[in-house]
């Protein structure tokens, strides 16, 4: 009798463990799906870009968390507006360099805010945001631009305002993705 009870307990714990593992693997897979996006998929498949964009998910999670708007350190908002005549005078290489600089600065500032955050919802959001930014950095670095890699002349650096408002940071990141990055992708997609 005792061996049957022990076996039943072990089986039920194993079943609980397998359920937990399925949930954990599902969470990991959902985060990694965007990492697996190849640069050509990113350029030629708008659905791949939509799946990779986690801004709306992060904004929804922020609402659920409640009261996590205030960050422990400021994050430099990126200049996301496009002055069409000025932007069109730049080369695709300059567009890419500007986007990489914006993403790199944002990643560094988010990392700083994350290291100052206490465990909890805000820390989780910042970790996911940092991972998302790093995924974009990785893909944009790997984008092949025709006519070979060229040295990009230094352009004037546009600095936005610093902000401790996570909601504003997420909105600004989303505008960078749907603005400047989409312009770059639209130009590169001509070769798809």
Foldseek 3Di string as FASTA:
>chain_A
DVVVVVVVVVVVVVVVVVVVVVVVVVVVCLLCLLLPQALVCCLQPVVSVVSLDCLVVLVVLDVVQPPLFFFPDWAWQAPLDDPVVVVVVDDLLVLLVLLLVRLVSRLVRLVVSLVVDDDDSNNVSSVSVSSSSVSVNVSSVPDDDPPDRDDDDDDDGDTHDIDRGPNVNSVSVVSNCVGSVVVSSVVVNVVD
